[in-house]
Amino acid sequence: MPNPILNLDGYTEVPDTKIAVVVTYLEMTERPSEALAPQRSDMSLKAWSSPTAAEYKALFREVGEKWIWFGRLIKPDADLETLLAEPARENYLPVLDGKPVGTLELNYADPENVELAYFGLVPSAIGGGVGRWLMAQAVEMAWSRPETKRLWLHTCTADSPQALKFYQSCGFKPYKRAIEVADDPRGLGLYASETAPHVPCLMGQN
């Protein structure tokens, strides 16, 4: 089957084995004048240097299962460990009451345009200001480097419906949109078919 051409003035069908999401890119071009969140005695941020693929994928899955995160799960273990060990890439674990509750990754490959590559919490940690505290740490670390001129990230329609509003409340502004088409991770066996009902799995429905 030839690759379909995207119709920019109408509809484009995608195969049942694929998912299609709208991606929104957001950026912060100035360091905030005030901290996004107060410090917390019950939370800390731990550097996660060169995690094993098994450790990383387990946490990645726990954070992203509801939103069918797949980008790191489809990578071969050796390739993933090489990626995570890149000198320009920093991974952190937010720790709440002594337990890791999420993931934060900053990519400094372009020192002036820092990417907040991954940001998320395990379901039990959502709420109570944990996410805003974690974002405050990310923003502070990124802007503490004199080279930084911009901090950017992206989210998509498969993600939490609160994500876009949350990022905007933290000072990020949308600047670009894209369409991502990928193999449905449920079809790859990464998640059960009933996962993420807001992005229905079409395989086996016809």
C-alpha atoms as a PDB file:
ATOM      1  CA  MET A   1       0.000   0.000   0.000  1.00  0.00           C
ATOM      2  CA  PRO A   2       1.542   3.343  -0.995  1.00  0.00           C
ATOM      3  CA  ASN A   3       1.972   5.985   1.665  1.00  0.00           C
ATOM      4  CA  PRO A   4      -1.128   8.217   1.691  1.00  0.00           C
ATOM      5  CA  ILE A   5      -0.644  11.907   1.010  1.00  0.00           C
ATOM      6  CA  LEU A   6      -1.740  14.140   3.873  1.00  0.00           C
ATOM      7  CA  ASN A   7      -4.692  16.281   2.881  1.00  0.00           C
ATOM      8  CA  LEU A   8      -4.173  19.682   4.479  1.00  0.00           C
ATOM      9  CA  ASP A   9      -7.717  20.738   3.637  1.00  0.00           C
ATOM     10  CA  GLY A  10      -9.676  17.676   4.649  1.00  0.00           C
ATOM     11  CA  TYR A  11      -9.413  14.133   5.945  1.00  0.00           C
ATOM     12  CA  THR A  12      -6.665  11.562   5.467  1.00  0.00           C
ATOM     13  CA  GLU A  13      -7.393   7.966   6.431  1.00  0.00           C
ATOM     14  CA  VAL A  14      -4.734   5.952   8.234  1.00  0.00           C
ATOM     15  CA  PRO A  15      -4.566   2.154   8.512  1.00  0.00           C
ATOM     16  CA  ASP A  16      -6.133   0.481  11.548  1.00  0.00           C
ATOM     17  CA  THR A  17      -2.652  -0.592  12.624  1.00  0.00           C
ATOM     18  CA  LYS A  18      -1.604   3.042  13.038  1.00  0.00           C
ATOM     19  CA  ILE A  19      -2.426   5.862  15.413  1.00  0.00           C
ATOM     20  CA  ALA A  20      -2.482   9.519  14.422  1.00  0.00           C
ATOM     21  CA  VAL A  21      -2.132  12.343  16.939  1.00  0.00           C
ATOM     22  CA  VAL A  22      -1.865  16.096  16.776  1.00  0.00           C
ATOM     23  CA  VAL A  23       1.355  17.340  18.365  1.00  0.00           C
ATOM     24  CA  THR A  24       1.634  20.793  19.924  1.00  0.00           C
ATOM     25  CA  TYR A  25       5.073  22.304  20.490  1.00  0.00           C
ATOM     26  CA  LEU A  26       5.497  24.824  23.302  1.00  0.00           C
ATOM     27  CA  GLU A  27       8.372  27.075  24.298  1.00  0.00           C
ATOM     28  CA  MET A  28       9.567  29.327  27.095  1.00  0.00           C
ATOM     29  CA  THR A  29      11.839  32.105  25.845  1.00  0.00           C
ATOM     30  CA  GLU A  30      12.523  33.920  29.102  1.00  0.00           C
ATOM     31  CA  ARG A  31      13.493  32.758  32.539  1.00  0.00           C
ATOM     32  CA  PRO A  32      10.527  33.150  34.907  1.00  0.00           C
ATOM     33  CA  SER A  33      10.894  36.039  37.328  1.00  0.00           C
ATOM     34  CA  GLU A  34       9.613  33.871  40.175  1.00  0.00           C
ATOM     35  CA  ALA A  35       9.875  30.198  41.060  1.00  0.00           C
ATOM     36  CA  LEU A  36       7.006  28.128  39.694  1.00  0.00           C
ATOM     37  CA  ALA A  37       6.523  26.311  42.985  1.00  0.00           C
ATOM     38  CA  PRO A  38       7.799  26.487  46.567  1.00  0.00           C
ATOM     39  CA  GLN A  39      10.364  24.050  47.863  1.00  0.00           C
ATOM     40  CA  ARG A  40       9.043  20.907  49.515  1.00  0.00           C
ATOM     41  CA  SER A  41      10.540  18.979  52.403  1.00  0.00           C
ATOM     42  CA  ASP A  42       8.902  15.753  51.234  1.00  0.00           C
ATOM     43  CA  MET A  43      10.398  15.869  47.740  1.00  0.00           C
ATOM     44  CA  SER A  44      13.840  15.696  46.205  1.00  0.00           C
ATOM     45  CA  LEU A  45      15.316  15.281  42.744  1.00  0.00           C
ATOM     46  CA  LYS A  46      17.807  12.492  42.147  1.00  0.00           C
ATOM     47  CA  ALA A  47      20.108  12.320  39.136  1.00  0.00           C
ATOM     48  CA  TRP A  48      19.540   9.067  37.230  1.00  0.00           C
ATOM     49  CA  SER A  49      22.775   8.525  35.367  1.00  0.00           C
ATOM     50  CA  SER A  50      22.905   5.726  32.788  1.00  0.00           C
ATOM     51  CA  PRO A  51      19.948   3.615  33.969  1.00  0.00           C
ATOM     52  CA  THR A  52      19.651   0.119  32.573  1.00  0.00           C
ATOM     53  CA  ALA A  53      17.114  -0.371  29.812  1.00  0.00           C
ATOM     54  CA  ALA A  54      15.014  -2.639  32.028  1.00  0.00           C
ATOM     55  CA  GLU A  55      14.864  -0.096  34.857  1.00  0.00           C
ATOM     56  CA  TYR A  56      14.107   2.756  32.516  1.00  0.00           C
ATOM     57  CA  LYS A  57      11.428   0.955  30.514  1.00  0.00           C
ATOM     58  CA  ALA A  58       9.653  -0.200  33.677  1.00  0.00           C
ATOM     59  CA  LEU A  59       9.320   3.364  34.958  1.00  0.00           C
ATOM     60  CA  PHE A  60       8.558   4.740  31.487  1.00  0.00           C
ATOM     61  CA  ARG A  61       5.713   2.261  31.178  1.00  0.00           C
ATOM     62  CA  GLU A  62       4.348   3.064  34.637  1.00  0.00           C
ATOM     63  CA  VAL A  63       4.327   6.791  33.880  1.00  0.00           C
ATOM     64  CA  GLY A  64       3.055   6.582  30.327  1.00  0.00           C
ATOM     65  CA  GLU A  65       0.755   3.566  30.096  1.00  0.00           C
ATOM     66  CA  LYS A  66      -2.493   5.581  30.296  1.00  0.00           C
ATOM     67  CA  TRP A  67      -1.234   7.728  27.419  1.00  0.00           C
ATOM     68  CA  ILE A  68       0.323   4.866  25.405  1.00  0.00           C
ATOM     69  CA  TRP A  69       3.835   6.299  25.557  1.00  0.00           C
ATOM     70  CA  PHE A  70       5.912   4.155  23.242  1.00  0.00           C
ATOM     71  CA  GLY A  71       8.933   6.113  21.993  1.00  0.00           C
ATOM     72  CA  ARG A  72      11.429   4.506  24.330  1.00  0.00           C
ATOM     73  CA  LEU A  73       9.732   1.108  24.594  1.00  0.00           C
ATOM     74  CA  ILE A  74      10.279   0.311  20.921  1.00  0.00           C
ATOM     75  CA  LYS A  75      14.023   0.931  21.109  1.00  0.00           C
ATOM     76  CA  PRO A  76      16.340  -2.073  21.446  1.00  0.00           C
ATOM     77  CA  ASP A  77      17.860  -2.153  24.921  1.00  0.00           C
ATOM     78  CA  ALA A  78      21.421  -1.472  23.776  1.00  0.00           C
ATOM     79  CA  ASP A  79      20.330   1.496  21.669  1.00  0.00           C
ATOM     80  CA  LEU A  80      18.283   2.913  24.538  1.00  0.00           C
ATOM     81  CA  GLU A  81      21.145   2.643  27.016  1.00  0.00           C
ATOM     82  CA  THR A  82      23.455   4.379  24.544  1.00  0.00           C
ATOM     83  CA  LEU A  83      20.910   7.164  24.107  1.00  0.00           C
ATOM     84  CA  LEU A  84      20.402   7.653  27.835  1.00  0.00           C
ATOM     85  CA  ALA A  85      24.166   7.803  28.401  1.00  0.00           C
ATOM     86  CA  GLU A  86      24.682  10.682  25.959  1.00  0.00           C
ATOM     87  CA  PRO A  87      26.647  13.458  27.708  1.00  0.00           C
ATOM     88  CA  ALA A  88      24.138  16.118  26.646  1.00  0.00           C
ATOM     89  CA  ARG A  89      21.187  14.202  28.093  1.00  0.00           C
ATOM     90  CA  GLU A  90      20.272  14.338  31.792  1.00  0.00           C
ATOM     91  CA  ASN A  91      17.697  12.117  33.477  1.00  0.00           C
ATOM     92  CA  TYR A  92      16.251  12.687  36.921  1.00  0.00           C
ATOM     93  CA  LEU A  93      13.925  10.918  39.317  1.00  0.00           C
ATOM     94  CA  PRO A  94      11.515  12.985  41.400  1.00  0.00           C
ATOM     95  CA  VAL A  95      11.436  11.312  44.800  1.00  0.00           C
ATOM     96  CA  LEU A  96       8.422  11.679  47.097  1.00  0.00           C
ATOM     97  CA  ASP A  97       8.743  10.360  50.634  1.00  0.00           C
ATOM     98  CA  GLY A  98      11.712   8.265  49.529  1.00  0.00           C
ATOM     99  CA  LYS A  99      10.048   6.698  46.476  1.00  0.00           C
ATOM    100  CA  PRO A 100      10.640   7.565  42.782  1.00  0.00           C
ATOM    101  CA  VAL A 101       7.389   8.896  41.353  1.00  0.00           C
ATOM    102  CA  GLY A 102       8.179  10.033  37.830  1.00  0.00           C
ATOM    103  CA  THR A 103      10.692  10.932  35.189  1.00  0.00           C
ATOM    104  CA  LEU A 104      12.336  14.110  33.949  1.00  0.00           C
ATOM    105  CA  GLU A 105      14.719  14.326  31.019  1.00  0.00           C
ATOM    106  CA  LEU A 106      16.535  17.407  29.737  1.00  0.00           C
ATOM    107  CA  ASN A 107      18.423  17.367  26.449  1.00  0.00           C
ATOM    108  CA  TYR A 108      21.183  19.967  26.052  1.00  0.00           C
ATOM    109  CA  ALA A 109      22.364  18.812  22.607  1.00  0.00           C
ATOM    110  CA  ASP A 110      21.547  22.311  21.364  1.00  0.00           C
ATOM    111  CA  PRO A 111      22.766  24.422  24.308  1.00  0.00           C
ATOM    112  CA  GLU A 112      20.718  27.474  23.334  1.00  0.00           C
ATOM    113  CA  ASN A 113      17.513  25.512  22.759  1.00  0.00           C
ATOM    114  CA  VAL A 114      17.088  23.080  25.627  1.00  0.00           C
ATOM    115  CA  GLU A 115      14.546  20.314  25.154  1.00  0.00           C
ATOM    116  CA  LEU A 116      12.406  19.045  27.989  1.00  0.00           C
ATOM    117  CA  ALA A 117      12.341  15.624  26.376  1.00  0.00           C
ATOM    118  CA  TYR A 118      10.250  13.677  28.888  1.00  0.00           C
ATOM    119  CA  PHE A 119       8.217  14.780  31.871  1.00  0.00           C
ATOM    120  CA  GLY A 120       5.691  12.679  33.729  1.00  0.00           C
ATOM    121  CA  LEU A 121       4.486  11.214  36.998  1.00  0.00           C
ATOM    122  CA  VAL A 122       3.230   7.814  38.064  1.00  0.00           C
ATOM    123  CA  PRO A 123      -0.571   7.862  38.530  1.00  0.00           C
ATOM    124  CA  SER A 124      -0.410   7.817  42.335  1.00  0.00           C
ATOM    125  CA  ALA A 125       1.661  11.036  42.388  1.00  0.00           C
ATOM    126  CA  ILE A 126      -0.601  13.133  40.184  1.00  0.00           C
ATOM    127  CA  GLY A 127      -2.179  16.005  42.085  1.00  0.00           C
ATOM    128  CA  GLY A 128      -1.094  17.843  45.181  1.00  0.00           C
ATOM    129  CA  GLY A 129       1.350  20.071  43.336  1.00  0.00           C
ATOM    130  CA  VAL A 130       3.931  17.379  42.599  1.00  0.00           C
ATOM    131  CA  GLY A 131       3.938  18.087  38.864  1.00  0.00           C
ATOM    132  CA  ARG A 132       4.365  21.810  39.326  1.00  0.00           C
ATOM    133  CA  TRP A 133       7.219  21.231  41.770  1.00  0.00           C
ATOM    134  CA  LEU A 134       8.916  18.966  39.233  1.00  0.00           C
ATOM    135  CA  MET A 135       8.456  21.513  36.461  1.00  0.00           C
ATOM    136  CA  ALA A 136       9.963  24.171  38.713  1.00  0.00           C
ATOM    137  CA  GLN A 137      13.097  22.031  39.033  1.00  0.00           C
ATOM    138  CA  ALA A 138      13.278  21.494  35.267  1.00  0.00           C
ATOM    139  CA  VAL A 139      12.895  25.199  34.520  1.00  0.00           C
ATOM    140  CA  GLU A 140      15.470  26.198  37.114  1.00  0.00           C
ATOM    141  CA  MET A 141      18.055  23.696  35.861  1.00  0.00           C
ATOM    142  CA  ALA A 142      17.575  24.635  32.218  1.00  0.00           C
ATOM    143  CA  TRP A 143      17.785  28.371  32.800  1.00  0.00           C
ATOM    144  CA  SER A 144      20.705  28.097  35.220  1.00  0.00           C
ATOM    145  CA  ARG A 145      22.928  27.530  32.187  1.00  0.00           C
ATOM    146  CA  PRO A 146      24.103  30.805  30.663  1.00  0.00           C
ATOM    147  CA  GLU A 147      23.790  29.442  27.107  1.00  0.00           C
ATOM    148  CA  THR A 148      20.053  28.805  27.394  1.00  0.00           C
ATOM    149  CA  LYS A 149      17.857  31.035  25.273  1.00  0.00           C
ATOM    150  CA  ARG A 150      14.832  28.793  25.021  1.00  0.00           C
ATOM    151  CA  LEU A 151      13.267  25.792  26.739  1.00  0.00           C
ATOM    152  CA  TRP A 152      10.866  23.750  24.649  1.00  0.00           C
ATOM    153  CA  LEU A 153       8.742  20.617  24.785  1.00  0.00           C
ATOM    154  CA  HIS A 154       5.874  18.950  22.992  1.00  0.00           C
ATOM    155  CA  THR A 155       2.689  17.158  23.921  1.00  0.00           C
ATOM    156  CA  CYS A 156       0.031  15.403  21.867  1.00  0.00           C
ATOM    157  CA  THR A 157      -3.624  14.460  21.817  1.00  0.00           C
ATOM    158  CA  ALA A 158      -2.842  10.987  23.168  1.00  0.00           C
ATOM    159  CA  ASP A 159      -1.407  12.561  26.311  1.00  0.00           C
ATOM    160  CA  SER A 160      -3.288  13.635  29.415  1.00  0.00           C
ATOM    161  CA  PRO A 161      -6.014  16.179  28.575  1.00  0.00           C
ATOM    162  CA  GLN A 162      -4.587  18.335  31.368  1.00  0.00           C
ATOM    163  CA  ALA A 163      -1.072  18.406  29.911  1.00  0.00           C
ATOM    164  CA  LEU A 164      -1.431  21.311  27.499  1.00  0.00           C
ATOM    165  CA  LYS A 165      -3.144  23.566  30.038  1.00  0.00           C
ATOM    166  CA  PHE A 166      -0.554  22.631  32.666  1.00  0.00           C
ATOM    167  CA  TYR A 167       2.376  23.558  30.443  1.00  0.00           C
ATOM    168  CA  GLN A 168       0.760  26.860  29.564  1.00  0.00           C
ATOM    169  CA  SER A 169       0.135  27.615  33.239  1.00  0.00           C
ATOM    170  CA  CYS A 170       3.869  27.121  33.796  1.00  0.00           C
ATOM    171  CA  GLY A 171       4.722  29.779  31.217  1.00  0.00           C
ATOM    172  CA  PHE A 172       5.123  27.765  28.015  1.00  0.00           C
ATOM    173  CA  LYS A 173       3.522  29.136  24.863  1.00  0.00           C
ATOM    174  CA  PRO A 174       2.451  27.065  21.839  1.00  0.00           C
ATOM    175  CA  TYR A 175       4.329  27.876  18.644  1.00  0.00           C
ATOM    176  CA  LYS A 176       3.989  24.936  16.240  1.00  0.00           C
ATOM    177  CA  ARG A 177       1.740  22.019  15.402  1.00  0.00           C
ATOM    178  CA  ALA A 178       2.423  18.684  13.705  1.00  0.00           C
ATOM    179  CA  ILE A 179       0.747  15.374  12.950  1.00  0.00           C
ATOM    180  CA  GLU A 180       2.445  12.176  14.090  1.00  0.00           C
ATOM    181  CA  VAL A 181       1.517   8.801  12.630  1.00  0.00           C
ATOM    182  CA  ALA A 182       2.998   5.682  14.198  1.00  0.00           C
ATOM    183  CA  ASP A 183       2.384   1.985  14.673  1.00  0.00           C
ATOM    184  CA  ASP A 184      -0.247   1.480  17.362  1.00  0.00           C
ATOM    185  CA  PRO A 185       1.798   0.328  20.390  1.00  0.00           C
ATOM    186  CA  ARG A 186      -1.076  -1.938  21.419  1.00  0.00           C
ATOM    187  CA  GLY A 187      -0.710  -3.747  18.128  1.00  0.00           C
ATOM    188  CA  LEU A 188       2.977  -4.184  18.903  1.00  0.00           C
ATOM    189  CA  GLY A 189       2.079  -5.911  22.164  1.00  0.00           C
ATOM    190  CA  LEU A 190       3.387  -3.088  24.343  1.00  0.00           C
ATOM    191  CA  TYR A 191       0.016  -2.452  25.972  1.00  0.00           C
ATOM    192  CA  ALA A 192      -3.350  -4.182  26.218  1.00  0.00           C
ATOM    193  CA  SER A 193      -5.877  -3.265  23.521  1.00  0.00           C
ATOM    194  CA  GLU A 194      -8.157  -1.545  26.048  1.00  0.00           C
ATOM    195  CA  THR A 195      -5.417   0.845  27.185  1.00  0.00           C
ATOM    196  CA  ALA A 196      -5.993   4.549  26.468  1.00  0.00           C
ATOM    197  CA  PRO A 197      -9.648   4.402  25.391  1.00  0.00           C
ATOM    198  CA  HIS A 198      -9.442   8.077  24.395  1.00  0.00           C
ATOM    199  CA  VAL A 199      -7.380   6.794  21.446  1.00  0.00           C
ATOM    200  CA  PRO A 200      -9.442   3.720  20.500  1.00  0.00           C
ATOM    201  CA  CYS A 201      -7.617   0.659  19.266  1.00  0.00           C
ATOM    202  CA  LEU A 202      -9.130  -0.252  15.884  1.00  0.00           C
ATOM    203  CA  MET A 203      -7.390  -3.556  15.318  1.00  0.00           C
ATOM    204  CA  GLY A 204      -9.792  -6.467  15.518  1.00  0.00           C
ATOM    205  CA  GLN A 205     -12.842  -4.189  15.396  1.00  0.00           C
ATOM    206  CA  ASN A 206     -13.758  -4.886  11.769  1.00  0.00           C
END
